[in-house]
């Protein structure tokens, strides 16, 4: 994975477009910081750290009131 921010946004966008209520993404401090901002602006409902096998992950729960999730990476 060369661009962790683009990976986070793509996983979230794909899960949302597939009408899923939640998804899991790779755990990192950067992803937590981005998800905190998305939560503050009500793009997501919540996020929490969980253990998947030997690795940590983040479970992201989407805001049920959102009709679309238009997130994209602007620049590297």
C-alpha atoms as a PDB file:
ATOM      1  CA  UNK A   1       0.000   0.000   0.000  1.00  0.00           C
ATOM      2  CA  UNK A   2       1.673   3.179  -1.154  1.00  0.00           C
ATOM      3  CA  UNK A   3      -0.972   5.751  -0.214  1.00  0.00           C
ATOM      4  CA  UNK A   4      -2.703   4.995   3.105  1.00  0.00           C
ATOM      5  CA  UNK A   5      -5.049   8.002   2.895  1.00  0.00           C
ATOM      6  CA  UNK A   6      -6.341   7.017  -0.538  1.00  0.00           C
ATOM      7  CA  UNK A   7      -6.729   3.430   0.727  1.00  0.00           C
ATOM      8  CA  UNK A   8      -8.829   4.619   3.696  1.00  0.00           C
ATOM      9  CA  UNK A   9     -11.075   6.784   1.535  1.00  0.00           C
ATOM     10  CA  UNK A  10     -11.492   4.086  -1.134  1.00  0.00           C
ATOM     11  CA  UNK A  11     -12.448   1.405   1.391  1.00  0.00           C
ATOM     12  CA  UNK A  12     -14.992   3.734   2.969  1.00  0.00           C
ATOM     13  CA  UNK A  13     -16.422   4.878  -0.373  1.00  0.00           C
ATOM     14  CA  UNK A  14     -16.722   1.301  -1.691  1.00  0.00           C
ATOM     15  CA  UNK A  15     -18.435   0.021   1.460  1.00  0.00           C
ATOM     16  CA  UNK A  16     -20.841   2.976   1.512  1.00  0.00           C
ATOM     17  CA  UNK A  17     -21.728   2.489  -2.170  1.00  0.00           C
ATOM     18  CA  UNK A  18     -22.367  -1.198  -1.450  1.00  0.00           C
ATOM     19  CA  UNK A  19     -24.967  -0.078   1.152  1.00  0.00           C
ATOM     20  CA  UNK A  20     -23.011  -1.435   4.106  1.00  0.00           C
ATOM     21  CA  UNK A  21     -23.577   0.036   7.546  1.00  0.00           C
ATOM     22  CA  UNK A  22     -19.930  -0.325   8.556  1.00  0.00           C
ATOM     23  CA  UNK A  23     -16.502  -1.324   7.324  1.00  0.00           C
ATOM     24  CA  UNK A  24     -13.057  -2.072   8.688  1.00  0.00           C
ATOM     25  CA  UNK A  25      -9.906  -0.225   7.713  1.00  0.00           C
ATOM     26  CA  UNK A  26      -6.227  -0.525   8.584  1.00  0.00           C
ATOM     27  CA  UNK A  27      -5.284   0.876  11.997  1.00  0.00           C
ATOM     28  CA  UNK A  28      -2.888   3.817  12.132  1.00  0.00           C
ATOM     29  CA  UNK A  29      -2.659   7.060  14.068  1.00  0.00           C
ATOM     30  CA  UNK A  30      -3.111   8.958  10.798  1.00  0.00           C
ATOM     31  CA  UNK A  31      -6.332   7.086   9.988  1.00  0.00           C
ATOM     32  CA  UNK A  32      -7.648   7.760  13.512  1.00  0.00           C
ATOM     33  CA  UNK A  33      -6.951  11.487  13.061  1.00  0.00           C
ATOM     34  CA  UNK A  34      -8.722  11.556   9.672  1.00  0.00           C
ATOM     35  CA  UNK A  35     -11.697   9.627  11.058  1.00  0.00           C
ATOM     36  CA  UNK A  36     -11.941  12.065  13.979  1.00  0.00           C
ATOM     37  CA  UNK A  37     -12.322  14.923  11.490  1.00  0.00           C
ATOM     38  CA  UNK A  38     -14.883  12.960   9.441  1.00  0.00           C
ATOM     39  CA  UNK A  39     -16.844  12.237  12.620  1.00  0.00           C
ATOM     40  CA  UNK A  40     -16.775  15.897  13.652  1.00  0.00           C
ATOM     41  CA  UNK A  41     -18.212  16.860  10.245  1.00  0.00           C
ATOM     42  CA  UNK A  42     -20.815  14.028  10.466  1.00  0.00           C
ATOM     43  CA  UNK A  43     -19.573  11.972   7.519  1.00  0.00           C
ATOM     44  CA  UNK A  44     -19.400   8.951   9.851  1.00  0.00           C
ATOM     45  CA  UNK A  45     -21.252   8.070  13.033  1.00  0.00           C
ATOM     46  CA  UNK A  46     -18.367   6.509  14.962  1.00  0.00           C
ATOM     47  CA  UNK A  47     -15.153   4.522  14.793  1.00  0.00           C
ATOM     48  CA  UNK A  48     -13.493   2.105  17.189  1.00  0.00           C
ATOM     49  CA  UNK A  49     -10.312   0.078  17.397  1.00  0.00           C
ATOM     50  CA  UNK A  50     -10.628  -3.700  17.226  1.00  0.00           C
ATOM     51  CA  UNK A  51      -8.379  -6.732  16.971  1.00  0.00           C
ATOM     52  CA  UNK A  52      -8.416  -8.813  13.771  1.00  0.00           C
ATOM     53  CA  UNK A  53      -6.165 -11.808  14.233  1.00  0.00           C
ATOM     54  CA  UNK A  54      -2.736 -10.467  15.182  1.00  0.00           C
ATOM     55  CA  UNK A  55      -3.419  -7.017  13.738  1.00  0.00           C
ATOM     56  CA  UNK A  56      -5.303  -3.939  14.875  1.00  0.00           C
ATOM     57  CA  UNK A  57      -8.059  -2.493  12.706  1.00  0.00           C
ATOM     58  CA  UNK A  58     -10.621   0.281  12.896  1.00  0.00           C
ATOM     59  CA  UNK A  59     -14.327  -0.362  12.535  1.00  0.00           C
ATOM     60  CA  UNK A  60     -16.055   2.607  10.878  1.00  0.00           C
ATOM     61  CA  UNK A  61     -19.816   2.993  11.258  1.00  0.00           C
ATOM     62  CA  UNK A  62     -21.412   5.227   8.655  1.00  0.00           C
ATOM     63  CA  UNK A  63     -23.878   7.977   9.444  1.00  0.00           C
ATOM     64  CA  UNK A  64     -27.295   6.552   8.460  1.00  0.00           C
ATOM     65  CA  UNK A  65     -28.588  10.019   7.569  1.00  0.00           C
ATOM     66  CA  UNK A  66     -26.031  10.585   4.791  1.00  0.00           C
ATOM     67  CA  UNK A  67     -27.295  10.109   1.265  1.00  0.00           C
ATOM     68  CA  UNK A  68     -23.826  10.066  -0.298  1.00  0.00           C
ATOM     69  CA  UNK A  69     -20.210   9.850   0.765  1.00  0.00           C
ATOM     70  CA  UNK A  70     -18.250  11.877  -1.792  1.00  0.00           C
ATOM     71  CA  UNK A  71     -14.730  11.616  -0.423  1.00  0.00           C
ATOM     72  CA  UNK A  72     -11.681  11.869  -2.623  1.00  0.00           C
ATOM     73  CA  UNK A  73      -8.012  12.595  -2.276  1.00  0.00           C
ATOM     74  CA  UNK A  74      -7.130  16.028  -3.671  1.00  0.00           C
ATOM     75  CA  UNK A  75      -3.331  15.911  -3.698  1.00  0.00           C
ATOM     76  CA  UNK A  76      -0.444  13.806  -2.480  1.00  0.00           C
END
